[in-house]
């Protein structure tokens, strides 16, 4: 499984961010080109034979600068506290301990299970990987919701794959919804499975 795109609900529109980065890239590119041309002009005044080739100018063109800025923003800048608050996108990357409680159809409690979760997140992609002693689950689609009343919520679909030798388990798909506290240290939620394993229950996460 690979990291996949995720939807943002209540956060800043990604298209708006793209426009902001485009404006910054245009200004930075223009400034670099101005400095380079000024340096060449100064070199000519001193009698130095210096020329700027199209290849050099293309390296500082708006498109190239945009690519560099977007890469930096996507990997690092969006996590900065000031930007993160404005974007309304929680930084969930890291390792989490997980305790699940199966609920029987009659409402009584079933078996409890434990797992570890790794969340990989950038500005435009995410991956949630849950691992138990018997199987692993990987997210296939996700959405992050910024709710002023509740806080941040993560909704995602996943595909579960049992380990070799777990003959009593079947691969299945499922859905999970998590609500995170304001400090992004803990989360509570619910899950349900289908298409191979029809179970549901509650789930609690705690950041390691």
C-alpha atoms as a PDB file:
ATOM      1  CA  UNK A   1       0.000   0.000   0.000  1.00  0.00           C
ATOM      2  CA  UNK A   2       1.104   3.554  -0.728  1.00  0.00           C
ATOM      3  CA  UNK A   3       0.280   6.913   0.796  1.00  0.00           C
ATOM      4  CA  UNK A   4      -2.916   8.252  -0.741  1.00  0.00           C
ATOM      5  CA  UNK A   5      -4.686  11.602  -1.044  1.00  0.00           C
ATOM      6  CA  UNK A   6      -7.151  12.632   1.636  1.00  0.00           C
ATOM      7  CA  UNK A   7     -10.071  15.034   1.660  1.00  0.00           C
ATOM      8  CA  UNK A   8     -10.125  18.162   3.828  1.00  0.00           C
ATOM      9  CA  UNK A   9     -13.408  19.333   5.331  1.00  0.00           C
ATOM     10  CA  UNK A  10     -13.386  22.618   7.219  1.00  0.00           C
ATOM     11  CA  UNK A  11      -9.719  23.293   6.476  1.00  0.00           C
ATOM     12  CA  UNK A  12      -8.172  25.712   4.010  1.00  0.00           C
ATOM     13  CA  UNK A  13      -8.842  24.849   0.372  1.00  0.00           C
ATOM     14  CA  UNK A  14      -5.838  23.265  -1.322  1.00  0.00           C
ATOM     15  CA  UNK A  15      -6.464  25.312  -4.481  1.00  0.00           C
ATOM     16  CA  UNK A  16      -6.061  28.503  -2.431  1.00  0.00           C
ATOM     17  CA  UNK A  17      -2.747  27.232  -1.079  1.00  0.00           C
ATOM     18  CA  UNK A  18      -1.643  26.494  -4.651  1.00  0.00           C
ATOM     19  CA  UNK A  19      -2.409  30.062  -5.674  1.00  0.00           C
ATOM     20  CA  UNK A  20      -0.474  31.473  -2.720  1.00  0.00           C
ATOM     21  CA  UNK A  21       2.554  29.332  -3.533  1.00  0.00           C
ATOM     22  CA  UNK A  22       2.307  30.384  -7.193  1.00  0.00           C
ATOM     23  CA  UNK A  23       2.378  34.065  -6.212  1.00  0.00           C
ATOM     24  CA  UNK A  24       5.361  33.541  -3.917  1.00  0.00           C
ATOM     25  CA  UNK A  25       7.154  31.486  -6.579  1.00  0.00           C
ATOM     26  CA  UNK A  26       6.643  34.226  -9.179  1.00  0.00           C
ATOM     27  CA  UNK A  27       8.044  36.862  -6.843  1.00  0.00           C
ATOM     28  CA  UNK A  28      11.023  34.741  -5.796  1.00  0.00           C
ATOM     29  CA  UNK A  29      11.788  33.786  -9.398  1.00  0.00           C
ATOM     30  CA  UNK A  30      11.632  37.408 -10.551  1.00  0.00           C
ATOM     31  CA  UNK A  31      13.920  38.470  -7.702  1.00  0.00           C
ATOM     32  CA  UNK A  32      16.507  35.785  -8.480  1.00  0.00           C
ATOM     33  CA  UNK A  33      16.513  36.615 -12.188  1.00  0.00           C
ATOM     34  CA  UNK A  34      16.914  40.330 -11.375  1.00  0.00           C
ATOM     35  CA  UNK A  35      19.889  39.609  -9.099  1.00  0.00           C
ATOM     36  CA  UNK A  36      21.528  37.354 -11.707  1.00  0.00           C
ATOM     37  CA  UNK A  37      21.090  39.880 -14.518  1.00  0.00           C
ATOM     38  CA  UNK A  38      22.391  42.662 -12.299  1.00  0.00           C
ATOM     39  CA  UNK A  39      25.430  40.565 -11.442  1.00  0.00           C
ATOM     40  CA  UNK A  40      26.110  39.889 -15.136  1.00  0.00           C
ATOM     41  CA  UNK A  41      25.752  43.596 -15.947  1.00  0.00           C
ATOM     42  CA  UNK A  42      28.171  44.458 -13.153  1.00  0.00           C
ATOM     43  CA  UNK A  43      30.634  41.834 -14.400  1.00  0.00           C
ATOM     44  CA  UNK A  44      30.521  43.350 -17.909  1.00  0.00           C
ATOM     45  CA  UNK A  45      31.333  46.762 -16.458  1.00  0.00           C
ATOM     46  CA  UNK A  46      34.415  45.253 -14.890  1.00  0.00           C
ATOM     47  CA  UNK A  47      35.373  43.736 -18.196  1.00  0.00           C
ATOM     48  CA  UNK A  48      34.523  40.146 -17.352  1.00  0.00           C
ATOM     49  CA  UNK A  49      33.090  37.994 -20.114  1.00  0.00           C
ATOM     50  CA  UNK A  50      30.100  36.460 -18.293  1.00  0.00           C
ATOM     51  CA  UNK A  51      26.894  35.214 -19.902  1.00  0.00           C
ATOM     52  CA  UNK A  52      23.698  33.621 -18.616  1.00  0.00           C
ATOM     53  CA  UNK A  53      22.610  30.607 -20.630  1.00  0.00           C
ATOM     54  CA  UNK A  54      18.902  29.705 -21.023  1.00  0.00           C
ATOM     55  CA  UNK A  55      19.597  26.524 -19.037  1.00  0.00           C
ATOM     56  CA  UNK A  56      20.640  28.551 -15.991  1.00  0.00           C
ATOM     57  CA  UNK A  57      17.631  30.855 -16.238  1.00  0.00           C
ATOM     58  CA  UNK A  58      15.298  27.868 -16.539  1.00  0.00           C
ATOM     59  CA  UNK A  59      16.546  26.583 -13.178  1.00  0.00           C
ATOM     60  CA  UNK A  60      15.192  29.710 -11.483  1.00  0.00           C
ATOM     61  CA  UNK A  61      12.017  30.010 -13.555  1.00  0.00           C
ATOM     62  CA  UNK A  62       8.651  30.324 -11.801  1.00  0.00           C
ATOM     63  CA  UNK A  63       7.749  26.695 -12.498  1.00  0.00           C
ATOM     64  CA  UNK A  64      11.000  25.377 -11.005  1.00  0.00           C
ATOM     65  CA  UNK A  65      10.699  27.636  -7.956  1.00  0.00           C
ATOM     66  CA  UNK A  66       7.056  26.575  -7.517  1.00  0.00           C
ATOM     67  CA  UNK A  67       8.098  22.914  -7.532  1.00  0.00           C
ATOM     68  CA  UNK A  68      10.757  23.526  -4.890  1.00  0.00           C
ATOM     69  CA  UNK A  69       8.444  25.609  -2.695  1.00  0.00           C
ATOM     70  CA  UNK A  70       5.588  23.124  -2.952  1.00  0.00           C
ATOM     71  CA  UNK A  71       7.889  20.218  -2.050  1.00  0.00           C
ATOM     72  CA  UNK A  72       9.115  22.128   1.011  1.00  0.00           C
ATOM     73  CA  UNK A  73       5.585  23.118   2.021  1.00  0.00           C
ATOM     74  CA  UNK A  74       4.224  19.601   1.489  1.00  0.00           C
ATOM     75  CA  UNK A  75       6.965  17.936   3.531  1.00  0.00           C
ATOM     76  CA  UNK A  76       7.719  20.475   6.261  1.00  0.00           C
ATOM     77  CA  UNK A  77       6.172  23.962   6.300  1.00  0.00           C
ATOM     78  CA  UNK A  78       2.534  22.916   6.739  1.00  0.00           C
ATOM     79  CA  UNK A  79       3.463  21.447  10.134  1.00  0.00           C
ATOM     80  CA  UNK A  80       4.738  24.752  11.537  1.00  0.00           C
ATOM     81  CA  UNK A  81       2.415  25.837  14.388  1.00  0.00           C
ATOM     82  CA  UNK A  82       1.404  29.187  12.867  1.00  0.00           C
ATOM     83  CA  UNK A  83       0.684  27.726   9.434  1.00  0.00           C
ATOM     84  CA  UNK A  84      -0.888  24.596  10.903  1.00  0.00           C
ATOM     85  CA  UNK A  85      -3.373  26.662  12.891  1.00  0.00           C
ATOM     86  CA  UNK A  86      -4.356  28.691   9.832  1.00  0.00           C
ATOM     87  CA  UNK A  87      -4.683  25.608   7.627  1.00  0.00           C
ATOM     88  CA  UNK A  88      -6.794  23.713  10.211  1.00  0.00           C
ATOM     89  CA  UNK A  89      -5.080  20.434   9.380  1.00  0.00           C
ATOM     90  CA  UNK A  90      -3.962  18.333  12.369  1.00  0.00           C
ATOM     91  CA  UNK A  91      -0.496  16.836  12.356  1.00  0.00           C
ATOM     92  CA  UNK A  92      -1.173  13.168  13.134  1.00  0.00           C
ATOM     93  CA  UNK A  93       2.070  11.569  11.938  1.00  0.00           C
ATOM     94  CA  UNK A  94       3.701   9.184  14.362  1.00  0.00           C
ATOM     95  CA  UNK A  95       3.158   5.968  16.298  1.00  0.00           C
ATOM     96  CA  UNK A  96       0.040   5.313  18.340  1.00  0.00           C
ATOM     97  CA  UNK A  97      -0.994   2.531  20.719  1.00  0.00           C
ATOM     98  CA  UNK A  98      -4.452   1.162  20.041  1.00  0.00           C
ATOM     99  CA  UNK A  99      -6.970  -0.700  22.194  1.00  0.00           C
ATOM    100  CA  UNK A 100     -10.134  -2.007  20.560  1.00  0.00           C
ATOM    101  CA  UNK A 101     -13.286  -3.335  22.174  1.00  0.00           C
ATOM    102  CA  UNK A 102     -15.511  -5.623  20.123  1.00  0.00           C
ATOM    103  CA  UNK A 103     -19.246  -5.125  20.665  1.00  0.00           C
ATOM    104  CA  UNK A 104     -21.592  -8.069  20.232  1.00  0.00           C
ATOM    105  CA  UNK A 105     -24.859  -7.712  18.252  1.00  0.00           C
ATOM    106  CA  UNK A 106     -26.834  -7.747  21.541  1.00  0.00           C
ATOM    107  CA  UNK A 107     -24.806  -4.794  22.860  1.00  0.00           C
ATOM    108  CA  UNK A 108     -22.635  -6.757  25.265  1.00  0.00           C
ATOM    109  CA  UNK A 109     -18.851  -6.524  25.192  1.00  0.00           C
ATOM    110  CA  UNK A 110     -16.888  -9.030  23.180  1.00  0.00           C
ATOM    111  CA  UNK A 111     -13.137  -9.674  23.014  1.00  0.00           C
ATOM    112  CA  UNK A 112     -10.686  -6.816  23.556  1.00  0.00           C
ATOM    113  CA  UNK A 113      -7.784  -6.498  21.153  1.00  0.00           C
ATOM    114  CA  UNK A 114      -4.608  -4.450  20.977  1.00  0.00           C
ATOM    115  CA  UNK A 115      -2.648  -3.018  18.047  1.00  0.00           C
ATOM    116  CA  UNK A 116      -0.076  -0.447  17.047  1.00  0.00           C
ATOM    117  CA  UNK A 117      -0.844   2.257  14.485  1.00  0.00           C
ATOM    118  CA  UNK A 118       1.567   4.239  12.326  1.00  0.00           C
ATOM    119  CA  UNK A 119       0.249   7.360  10.583  1.00  0.00           C
ATOM    120  CA  UNK A 120       2.291   8.818   7.729  1.00  0.00           C
ATOM    121  CA  UNK A 121       1.075  12.260   6.702  1.00  0.00           C
ATOM    122  CA  UNK A 122       2.100  15.129   4.455  1.00  0.00           C
ATOM    123  CA  UNK A 123       0.069  18.125   3.305  1.00  0.00           C
ATOM    124  CA  UNK A 124      -1.612  16.213   0.480  1.00  0.00           C
ATOM    125  CA  UNK A 125      -1.246  12.512   1.378  1.00  0.00           C
ATOM    126  CA  UNK A 126      -1.775  10.181   4.302  1.00  0.00           C
ATOM    127  CA  UNK A 127      -1.563   6.509   5.249  1.00  0.00           C
ATOM    128  CA  UNK A 128      -2.907   4.774   8.353  1.00  0.00           C
ATOM    129  CA  UNK A 129      -1.416   1.347   9.031  1.00  0.00           C
ATOM    130  CA  UNK A 130      -2.726  -0.778  11.913  1.00  0.00           C
ATOM    131  CA  UNK A 131      -0.887  -3.915  12.987  1.00  0.00           C
ATOM    132  CA  UNK A 132      -2.017  -6.656  15.377  1.00  0.00           C
ATOM    133  CA  UNK A 133      -0.468 -10.022  16.169  1.00  0.00           C
ATOM    134  CA  UNK A 134      -2.719 -11.654  13.560  1.00  0.00           C
ATOM    135  CA  UNK A 135      -3.130  -9.138  10.730  1.00  0.00           C
ATOM    136  CA  UNK A 136      -2.429  -5.707   9.258  1.00  0.00           C
ATOM    137  CA  UNK A 137      -4.799  -3.043   7.958  1.00  0.00           C
ATOM    138  CA  UNK A 138      -3.951  -0.227   5.529  1.00  0.00           C
ATOM    139  CA  UNK A 139      -6.100   2.792   4.735  1.00  0.00           C
ATOM    140  CA  UNK A 140      -7.339   3.154   1.160  1.00  0.00           C
ATOM    141  CA  UNK A 141      -9.267   6.453   1.474  1.00  0.00           C
ATOM    142  CA  UNK A 142      -9.479   9.102   4.193  1.00  0.00           C
ATOM    143  CA  UNK A 143     -10.876  12.491   5.176  1.00  0.00           C
ATOM    144  CA  UNK A 144      -9.881  14.972   7.879  1.00  0.00           C
ATOM    145  CA  UNK A 145     -12.602  17.149   9.361  1.00  0.00           C
ATOM    146  CA  UNK A 146     -12.065  20.352  11.339  1.00  0.00           C
ATOM    147  CA  UNK A 147     -15.064  20.848  13.621  1.00  0.00           C
ATOM    148  CA  UNK A 148     -15.080  23.867  15.948  1.00  0.00           C
ATOM    149  CA  UNK A 149     -17.416  22.043  18.350  1.00  0.00           C
ATOM    150  CA  UNK A 150     -15.760  18.628  18.458  1.00  0.00           C
ATOM    151  CA  UNK A 151     -12.218  19.266  17.251  1.00  0.00           C
ATOM    152  CA  UNK A 152     -10.502  17.149  14.608  1.00  0.00           C
ATOM    153  CA  UNK A 153     -11.940  13.933  13.251  1.00  0.00           C
ATOM    154  CA  UNK A 154     -10.339  11.338  11.001  1.00  0.00           C
ATOM    155  CA  UNK A 155     -12.530   9.097   8.856  1.00  0.00           C
ATOM    156  CA  UNK A 156     -10.984   6.332   6.776  1.00  0.00           C
ATOM    157  CA  UNK A 157     -11.666   3.102   4.946  1.00  0.00           C
ATOM    158  CA  UNK A 158      -9.190   0.264   5.252  1.00  0.00           C
ATOM    159  CA  UNK A 159      -8.360  -3.153   3.891  1.00  0.00           C
ATOM    160  CA  UNK A 160      -7.309  -5.888   6.327  1.00  0.00           C
ATOM    161  CA  UNK A 161      -4.932  -8.718   5.433  1.00  0.00           C
ATOM    162  CA  UNK A 162      -4.454 -11.659   7.850  1.00  0.00           C
ATOM    163  CA  UNK A 163      -0.984 -13.094   8.318  1.00  0.00           C
ATOM    164  CA  UNK A 164      -0.107 -16.454   6.776  1.00  0.00           C
ATOM    165  CA  UNK A 165      -1.349 -19.265   8.977  1.00  0.00           C
ATOM    166  CA  UNK A 166      -4.296 -17.358  10.465  1.00  0.00           C
ATOM    167  CA  UNK A 167      -6.847 -19.747   8.951  1.00  0.00           C
ATOM    168  CA  UNK A 168      -9.700 -18.506  11.140  1.00  0.00           C
ATOM    169  CA  UNK A 169      -9.362 -14.933   9.899  1.00  0.00           C
ATOM    170  CA  UNK A 170     -10.518 -13.645   6.535  1.00  0.00           C
ATOM    171  CA  UNK A 171      -9.425 -10.547   4.681  1.00  0.00           C
ATOM    172  CA  UNK A 172     -12.020  -7.789   4.892  1.00  0.00           C
ATOM    173  CA  UNK A 173     -12.681  -4.105   4.443  1.00  0.00           C
ATOM    174  CA  UNK A 174     -13.886  -1.696   7.083  1.00  0.00           C
ATOM    175  CA  UNK A 175     -14.471   1.871   8.198  1.00  0.00           C
ATOM    176  CA  UNK A 176     -13.187   3.800  11.212  1.00  0.00           C
ATOM    177  CA  UNK A 177     -14.017   7.232  12.655  1.00  0.00           C
ATOM    178  CA  UNK A 178     -11.751   8.840  15.264  1.00  0.00           C
ATOM    179  CA  UNK A 179     -12.167  12.038  17.299  1.00  0.00           C
ATOM    180  CA  UNK A 180      -8.915  13.559  18.601  1.00  0.00           C
ATOM    181  CA  UNK A 181      -8.421  15.674  21.690  1.00  0.00           C
ATOM    182  CA  UNK A 182      -7.151  19.245  21.287  1.00  0.00           C
ATOM    183  CA  UNK A 183      -3.583  18.266  22.188  1.00  0.00           C
ATOM    184  CA  UNK A 184      -3.633  15.508  19.519  1.00  0.00           C
ATOM    185  CA  UNK A 185      -2.403  13.002  22.093  1.00  0.00           C
ATOM    186  CA  UNK A 186      -5.450  10.726  22.308  1.00  0.00           C
ATOM    187  CA  UNK A 187      -8.437   9.695  20.205  1.00  0.00           C
ATOM    188  CA  UNK A 188     -11.695   7.805  20.663  1.00  0.00           C
ATOM    189  CA  UNK A 189     -13.737   6.268  17.914  1.00  0.00           C
ATOM    190  CA  UNK A 190     -15.749   3.459  16.408  1.00  0.00           C
ATOM    191  CA  UNK A 191     -15.178   0.914  13.655  1.00  0.00           C
ATOM    192  CA  UNK A 192     -17.096  -1.653  11.708  1.00  0.00           C
ATOM    193  CA  UNK A 193     -16.055  -4.392   9.289  1.00  0.00           C
ATOM    194  CA  UNK A 194     -17.739  -6.056   6.344  1.00  0.00           C
ATOM    195  CA  UNK A 195     -17.107  -8.050   3.161  1.00  0.00           C
ATOM    196  CA  UNK A 196     -15.389 -10.930   4.908  1.00  0.00           C
ATOM    197  CA  UNK A 197     -15.684 -10.209   8.634  1.00  0.00           C
ATOM    198  CA  UNK A 198     -18.819  -8.706  10.153  1.00  0.00           C
ATOM    199  CA  UNK A 199     -17.708  -7.151  13.443  1.00  0.00           C
ATOM    200  CA  UNK A 200     -17.840  -3.700  15.023  1.00  0.00           C
ATOM    201  CA  UNK A 201     -16.777  -1.943  18.199  1.00  0.00           C
ATOM    202  CA  UNK A 202     -14.965   0.963  19.809  1.00  0.00           C
ATOM    203  CA  UNK A 203     -11.345   1.997  19.540  1.00  0.00           C
ATOM    204  CA  UNK A 204      -8.994   4.164  21.623  1.00  0.00           C
ATOM    205  CA  UNK A 205      -5.658   5.621  20.495  1.00  0.00           C
ATOM    206  CA  UNK A 206      -2.812   7.145  22.475  1.00  0.00           C
ATOM    207  CA  UNK A 207       0.267   8.733  20.943  1.00  0.00           C
ATOM    208  CA  UNK A 208       3.551   7.069  21.885  1.00  0.00           C
END
